[in-house]
Amino acid sequence: MGKIKTRLIKRTGRSINTKELPFSEDFNSNKKILGKDMPSKKVRNQIAGFLARTKRQEKVEKEKLEKGLKKE
């Protein structure tokens, strides 16, 4: 089982994700994008990990939709 992210991490991650920054599925690149803007290293890493996971989930959902459309 994974660790549960707090409301602060989820809320901040979603708001940052809507700013059209080039976040990806890679944790390290997301960490570099967030840089020194975060209040602590722990919060920065948690948000970077949350963003990486949500990007992977978006990719899987998009592939499922495309695969479903191709069948029909």
Protein backbone atom coordinates (compact mmCIF):
# COMPACT_ATOMS: atom_id res chain seq x y z
CA MET A 1 0.00 0.00 0.00
CA GLY A 2 1.17 3.48 -0.73
CA LYS A 3 1.36 6.39 1.63
CA ILE A 4 -1.61 8.69 1.83
CA LYS A 5 -0.99 12.27 0.67
CA THR A 6 -2.38 15.08 2.81
CA ARG A 7 -4.94 17.60 1.62
CA LEU A 8 -2.22 20.24 1.42
CA ILE A 9 -0.16 18.16 -1.01
CA LYS A 10 -3.14 17.24 -3.20
CA ARG A 11 -4.57 20.77 -3.25
CA THR A 12 -1.21 22.39 -4.01
CA GLY A 13 -0.35 19.78 -6.64
CA ARG A 14 -3.64 20.26 -8.46
CA SER A 15 -3.36 24.05 -8.42
CA ILE A 16 0.23 23.94 -9.70
CA ASN A 17 -0.74 21.42 -12.39
CA THR A 18 -3.29 23.86 -13.85
CA LYS A 19 -0.60 26.55 -14.39
CA GLU A 20 0.51 24.95 -17.70
CA LEU A 21 4.03 24.17 -16.47
CA PRO A 22 5.76 21.29 -18.29
CA PHE A 23 5.36 18.61 -15.62
CA SER A 24 6.05 15.03 -16.69
CA GLU A 25 5.90 11.47 -15.39
CA ASP A 26 9.47 11.79 -14.09
CA PHE A 27 9.89 12.65 -10.41
CA ASN A 28 13.35 14.23 -10.81
CA SER A 29 12.31 16.60 -13.60
CA ASN A 30 9.24 17.67 -11.61
CA LYS A 31 11.45 18.27 -8.59
CA LYS A 32 13.72 20.54 -10.64
CA ILE A 33 10.75 22.49 -12.01
CA LEU A 34 9.44 23.13 -8.49
CA GLY A 35 12.93 24.17 -7.41
CA LYS A 36 13.27 26.53 -4.50
CA ASP A 37 9.65 27.73 -4.57
CA MET A 38 8.53 25.21 -1.97
CA PRO A 39 8.74 25.88 1.78
CA SER A 40 10.66 22.68 2.50
CA LYS A 41 12.43 19.84 0.75
CA LYS A 42 9.93 17.29 2.07
CA VAL A 43 6.91 19.19 0.72
CA ARG A 44 8.65 19.74 -2.64
CA ASN A 45 9.38 16.03 -2.98
CA GLN A 46 5.85 15.02 -2.00
CA ILE A 47 4.31 17.40 -4.54
CA ALA A 48 6.73 16.28 -7.26
CA GLY A 49 5.83 12.65 -6.58
CA PHE A 50 2.11 13.43 -6.57
CA LEU A 51 2.40 15.25 -9.90
CA ALA A 52 4.38 12.38 -11.44
CA ARG A 53 1.74 9.88 -10.34
CA THR A 54 -1.17 11.98 -11.64
CA LYS A 55 0.58 12.46 -15.01
CA ARG A 56 1.04 8.68 -15.31
CA GLN A 57 -2.62 8.14 -14.44
CA GLU A 58 -3.71 10.73 -17.04
CA LYS A 59 -1.61 8.96 -19.68
CA VAL A 60 -3.16 5.57 -18.89
CA GLU A 61 -6.69 7.01 -19.00
CA LYS A 62 -5.97 8.71 -22.32
CA GLU A 63 -4.64 5.44 -23.78
CA LYS A 64 -7.74 3.59 -22.57
CA LEU A 65 -10.00 6.16 -24.23
CA GLU A 66 -8.07 5.95 -27.51
CA LYS A 67 -8.11 2.16 -27.41
CA GLY A 68 -11.86 2.18 -26.77
CA LEU A 69 -12.47 4.55 -29.68
CA LYS A 70 -10.39 2.45 -32.06
CA LYS A 71 -12.46 -0.66 -31.28
CA GLU A 72 -15.71 0.96 -32.38
